[in-house]
Protein backbone atom coordinates (compact mmCIF):
# COMPACT_ATOMS: atom_id res chain seq x y z
CA MET A 1 -10.89 3.73 33.99
CA THR A 2 -7.98 2.39 34.05
CA ALA A 3 -4.32 4.21 32.57
CA ALA A 4 -3.97 1.55 29.77
CA ARG A 5 -7.11 1.02 28.83
CA TRP A 6 -7.99 4.86 28.42
CA ALA A 7 -4.45 4.59 26.17
CA LYS A 8 -6.55 1.88 24.28
CA LEU A 9 -9.05 4.41 23.98
CA GLN A 10 -7.54 6.89 22.82
CA GLU A 11 -5.47 4.92 20.31
CA TYR A 12 -8.30 3.62 18.72
CA VAL A 13 -10.86 6.82 18.66
CA LEU A 14 -8.40 9.95 18.53
CA PRO A 15 -7.83 8.66 14.62
CA TYR A 16 -11.60 8.98 13.74
CA VAL A 17 -12.95 12.12 15.96
CA ILE A 18 -9.65 14.13 14.19
CA THR A 19 -11.23 12.97 11.44
CA LEU A 20 -15.26 14.21 11.92
CA LEU A 21 -13.18 17.21 12.90
CA LEU A 22 -11.44 18.18 9.87
CA LEU A 23 -14.16 17.25 7.65
CA ALA A 24 -15.75 19.13 9.61
CA LEU A 25 -13.78 22.59 9.71
CA TRP A 26 -14.07 21.79 5.51
CA GLU A 27 -17.87 22.06 5.58
CA VAL A 28 -17.43 25.10 7.96
CA LEU A 29 -15.00 27.02 5.89
CA ASP A 30 -16.43 26.05 2.34
CA ARG A 31 -19.84 27.14 3.07
CA VAL A 32 -18.66 30.54 4.50
CA SER A 33 -15.99 31.20 1.69
CA HIS A 34 -18.68 30.12 -0.91
CA ILE A 35 -16.32 28.49 -2.71
CA PRO A 36 -17.94 27.47 -5.80
CA SER A 37 -18.70 23.21 -6.01
CA ILE A 38 -16.85 23.13 -9.24
CA VAL A 39 -13.75 24.03 -7.02
CA LEU A 40 -13.97 22.06 -3.65
CA PRO A 41 -17.70 20.55 -2.42
CA PRO A 42 -18.18 20.51 0.67
CA PRO A 43 -18.02 16.75 2.86
CA SER A 44 -21.67 17.02 2.19
CA GLU A 45 -22.41 16.66 -1.07
CA ILE A 46 -19.69 14.44 -1.28
CA PHE A 47 -21.74 12.14 1.10
CA SER A 48 -24.14 13.33 -1.27
CA ALA A 49 -22.57 11.84 -4.26
CA MET A 50 -21.60 8.45 -2.59
CA ILE A 51 -25.20 7.79 -1.59
CA ARG A 52 -26.51 8.60 -5.01
CA TYR A 53 -24.09 6.55 -7.30
CA ARG A 54 -23.78 4.02 -4.50
CA GLY A 55 -24.34 1.32 -7.14
CA VAL A 56 -21.59 2.50 -10.22
CA ILE A 57 -19.23 3.09 -6.80
CA ALA A 58 -19.34 -0.37 -4.88
CA GLU A 59 -18.99 -2.20 -8.50
CA ASN A 60 -15.79 0.04 -9.70
CA ALA A 61 -14.25 -0.14 -5.84
CA LEU A 62 -14.58 -3.35 -6.46
CA HIS A 63 -12.73 -3.92 -9.55
CA THR A 64 -10.78 -1.55 -8.47
CA PHE A 65 -9.59 -3.56 -5.00
CA ILE A 66 -9.41 -7.10 -6.47
CA THR A 67 -7.10 -5.52 -9.27
CA SER A 68 -4.71 -4.13 -6.59
CA MET A 69 -4.89 -6.92 -4.48
CA ILE A 70 -3.42 -9.67 -7.58
CA GLY A 71 -0.40 -6.83 -7.93
CA PHE A 72 -0.03 -6.68 -4.30
CA GLY A 73 0.34 -10.49 -3.97
CA LEU A 74 2.40 -10.64 -6.90
CA GLY A 75 4.25 -8.09 -5.80
CA VAL A 76 5.04 -9.76 -2.70
CA VAL A 77 5.93 -13.12 -3.91
CA ILE A 78 8.14 -11.59 -6.39
CA GLY A 79 9.46 -9.01 -4.04
CA ILE A 80 10.32 -11.76 -1.27
CA LEU A 81 12.32 -13.93 -3.90
CA ILE A 82 14.15 -11.56 -4.82
CA GLY A 83 15.00 -9.94 -1.42
CA LEU A 84 15.92 -13.17 -0.55
CA ALA A 85 18.35 -13.99 -3.42
CA THR A 86 19.96 -10.65 -3.04
CA GLY A 87 20.13 -10.89 0.94
CA ILE A 88 21.61 -13.96 1.09
CA SER A 89 24.36 -13.82 -1.57
CA PRO A 90 26.03 -10.63 -1.52
CA ALA A 91 27.32 -11.59 -5.11
CA VAL A 92 23.38 -11.09 -6.02
CA TYR A 93 23.51 -8.15 -3.57
CA ARG A 94 26.12 -6.42 -5.55
CA THR A 95 24.44 -7.42 -9.20
CA ILE A 96 20.97 -7.56 -8.48
CA TYR A 97 20.48 -3.75 -6.49
CA PRO A 98 22.11 -1.39 -8.65
CA LEU A 99 18.87 -2.60 -11.06
CA LEU A 100 16.19 -2.49 -8.37
CA VAL A 101 17.14 1.51 -7.98
CA ALA A 102 17.10 2.21 -11.51
CA PHE A 103 14.03 0.78 -12.17
CA ASN A 104 12.08 1.99 -9.00
CA ALA A 105 13.99 5.55 -10.39
CA ILE A 106 11.61 5.08 -13.47
CA PRO A 107 8.11 6.60 -12.93
CA LYS A 108 5.66 3.86 -13.77
CA VAL A 109 3.52 6.42 -15.29
CA ALA A 110 6.46 6.62 -17.42
CA LEU A 111 6.22 2.16 -18.00
CA LEU A 112 2.41 2.50 -18.66
CA PRO A 113 2.02 2.60 -22.57
CA LEU A 114 4.40 -0.07 -22.78
CA PHE A 115 1.93 -2.05 -20.46
CA VAL A 116 -0.97 -0.98 -22.93
CA LEU A 117 1.27 -1.61 -25.68
CA TRP A 118 2.02 -5.40 -24.29
CA ALA A 119 -1.65 -6.66 -22.98
CA GLY A 120 -3.78 -3.83 -24.29
CA ILE A 121 -7.14 -2.21 -22.56
CA GLY A 122 -7.64 -3.19 -19.19
CA VAL A 123 -7.12 -5.03 -16.02
CA VAL A 124 -3.57 -6.60 -17.31
CA PRO A 125 -1.85 -2.98 -17.46
CA ALA A 126 -3.32 -1.96 -13.66
CA VAL A 127 -2.52 -5.58 -12.52
CA LEU A 128 1.40 -4.72 -13.41
CA THR A 129 1.60 -1.21 -12.45
CA ALA A 130 0.38 -1.82 -9.11
CA LEU A 131 3.40 -4.73 -9.22
CA ALA A 132 6.10 -2.64 -10.27
CA LEU A 133 4.93 -0.04 -7.88
CA ALA A 134 4.35 -2.66 -5.11
CA PHE A 135 7.24 -5.29 -5.03
CA PHE A 136 10.79 -2.94 -4.60
CA PRO A 137 9.79 -2.06 -1.01
CA ILE A 138 9.40 -5.59 -0.21
CA ALA A 139 12.90 -6.61 -2.22
CA VAL A 140 14.20 -4.18 -0.74
CA ASN A 141 13.52 -4.82 2.82
CA VAL A 142 13.69 -8.39 3.07
CA ALA A 143 17.15 -8.05 1.72
CA THR A 144 18.36 -5.47 4.33
CA GLY A 145 16.21 -8.02 6.81
CA LEU A 146 18.61 -10.78 6.02
CA ALA A 147 21.70 -9.19 5.81
CA THR A 148 21.77 -7.31 8.83
CA ILE A 149 22.15 -10.73 10.61
CA ASP A 150 23.94 -9.92 13.95
CA PRO A 151 27.94 -10.97 13.54
CA GLU A 152 27.92 -12.49 16.70
CA MET A 153 24.99 -14.70 16.72
CA GLU A 154 26.23 -15.99 13.17
CA ASP A 155 29.49 -16.74 14.98
CA LEU A 156 27.87 -18.52 17.68
CA MET A 157 25.15 -20.78 15.04
CA ARG A 158 28.82 -21.31 13.22
CA SER A 159 30.71 -22.86 16.63
CA LEU A 160 26.97 -24.74 17.64
CA GLY A 161 27.78 -26.68 14.42
CA ALA A 162 24.48 -24.73 12.37
CA ARG A 163 24.38 -25.04 8.44
CA ARG A 164 24.06 -22.28 6.37
CA ASP A 165 20.89 -23.11 5.74
CA GLU A 166 19.80 -23.36 9.12
CA ILE A 167 20.96 -19.81 10.11
CA LEU A 168 18.71 -18.30 7.66
CA LEU A 169 16.10 -20.36 8.82
CA LYS A 170 16.31 -19.71 12.71
CA VAL A 171 17.47 -16.33 12.57
CA GLY A 172 17.60 -14.53 9.24
CA ILE A 173 13.86 -15.05 8.56
CA PRO A 174 12.73 -14.20 11.83
CA ARG A 175 15.32 -11.34 11.33
CA ALA A 176 13.61 -10.10 8.40
CA MET A 177 9.80 -10.61 9.22
CA PRO A 178 9.82 -6.98 10.67
CA PHE A 179 10.99 -5.70 7.99
CA LEU A 180 8.72 -8.02 5.94
CA PHE A 181 6.05 -6.67 7.18
CA ALA A 182 6.47 -2.89 7.57
CA SER A 183 6.99 -3.09 3.51
CA LEU A 184 3.81 -4.89 3.61
CA LYS A 185 2.28 -1.41 4.80
CA ILE A 186 4.05 0.84 2.15
CA ALA A 187 3.50 -2.06 -0.97
CA ILE A 188 -0.21 -2.26 0.03
CA SER A 189 -1.04 1.57 -0.24
CA LEU A 190 1.35 1.71 -3.44
CA ALA A 191 -0.44 -1.33 -5.23
CA PHE A 192 -3.87 0.68 -4.95
CA VAL A 193 -1.80 4.33 -6.30
CA GLY A 194 -0.44 2.49 -9.29
CA THR A 195 -3.62 0.34 -10.13
CA VAL A 196 -6.14 4.31 -9.89
CA ILE A 197 -3.16 5.56 -12.20
CA SER A 198 -3.58 2.69 -14.80
CA GLU A 199 -7.24 3.30 -14.21
CA THR A 200 -7.69 6.89 -15.15
CA VAL A 201 -5.38 5.70 -18.63
CA ALA A 202 -5.91 2.80 -20.03
CA SER A 203 -9.44 0.95 -18.61
CA ASN A 204 -13.05 0.90 -18.93
CA GLU A 205 -13.31 0.03 -15.70
CA GLY A 206 -12.60 1.00 -12.38
CA ILE A 207 -12.24 3.96 -9.35
CA GLY A 208 -9.83 5.76 -11.44
CA PHE A 209 -11.74 5.58 -14.50
CA LEU A 210 -14.76 6.36 -12.67
CA MET A 211 -12.94 9.75 -11.59
CA MET A 212 -11.94 10.80 -15.21
CA SER A 213 -15.29 9.75 -16.50
CA ALA A 214 -17.02 12.40 -13.51
CA SER A 215 -13.99 14.63 -13.93
CA SER A 216 -15.05 15.17 -17.46
CA ASN A 217 -18.66 15.94 -16.90
CA PHE A 218 -17.72 18.57 -14.18
CA ASN A 219 -18.94 16.09 -11.72
CA VAL A 220 -16.90 17.23 -8.99
CA PRO A 221 -18.40 15.72 -5.91
CA LEU A 222 -18.17 12.05 -7.41
CA VAL A 223 -14.73 12.69 -8.13
CA PHE A 224 -13.99 13.64 -4.78
CA ALA A 225 -16.24 10.44 -3.90
CA GLY A 226 -13.57 8.41 -5.48
CA VAL A 227 -10.90 9.88 -3.40
CA PHE A 228 -12.71 9.24 0.15
CA VAL A 229 -13.18 5.77 -1.19
CA ILE A 230 -9.57 4.67 -2.68
CA ALA A 231 -8.36 6.74 0.53
CA VAL A 232 -11.22 4.18 2.70
CA MET A 233 -9.48 1.24 0.88
CA ALA A 234 -6.05 1.67 1.45
CA VAL A 235 -6.57 2.66 5.19
CA ALA A 236 -8.84 -0.32 5.49
CA ALA A 237 -5.46 -2.77 3.57
CA TYR A 238 -2.94 -1.38 5.70
CA GLY A 239 -4.63 -1.64 8.68
CA ALA A 240 -5.48 -5.70 7.73
CA CYS A 241 -1.45 -5.65 7.19
CA SER A 242 -1.41 -4.21 10.79
CA LEU A 243 -3.13 -6.36 12.12
CA ILE A 244 -1.13 -9.60 11.54
CA GLU A 245 2.15 -8.42 12.14
CA ARG A 246 1.09 -8.05 15.49
CA ARG A 247 -0.31 -11.67 15.35
CA MET A 248 2.34 -12.58 13.45
CA VAL A 249 5.31 -10.85 14.81
CA HIS A 250 4.69 -9.65 17.82
CA TRP A 251 7.83 -9.77 20.20
CA ALA A 252 9.14 -7.34 17.61
CA PHE A 253 7.02 -4.66 19.50
CA ARG A 254 7.23 -3.18 22.46
CA ALA A 255 5.55 -4.11 25.63
CA GLN A 256 2.88 -1.61 26.31
CA PRO A 257 3.07 -0.02 29.85
């Protein structure tokens, strides 16, 4: 096996090996210390609960996934539009950026009662919470990518007769693409966070609702099963963004030896 193949194998296999080792260590420590399952169940009980309640978990996980993707999609659209406007115009940057920072500083849990008041209990507050968490990193990164165009490159394009919109299309947007995909990987994880937060308070469906119902019945293995499912969905979505990033902006990555 060549060094390149061995490095590639380590890249893909090592995370799973580490995860399995940590789960095994958790199992052993839990059994040896005799921690009650109502406090910290071992992974074996958690996986058993996942199998026992697989129908309910799958139904609620699908609801959470769809809701998160809707909020994430809206966050991408709004974040890109705000990022473009902010990055292109210094006046807009000075006007909007402080407002964005102020909005991002507000705990989204504090906005959730307003979302429930406006839209009632259900999907809409979860979508709005996911949107509120997802759009900010996208807007900031797109604006940063557009605002940090190399001045020499911009001067060269102008000397060649390029218009402002041509500079934006040929230099600015390609420059902003790596920033965009970096923010997408953050935003898609935050979308799941926003959805689950809303589901624990203002929904009758979803993994968040399932976890709250399980905790009220002291079914701690099912609560942890919900945590595991959320983690798996978020990692899968992050991986999908990374794959698309590799395909679309492969030129921005350092070549492997």
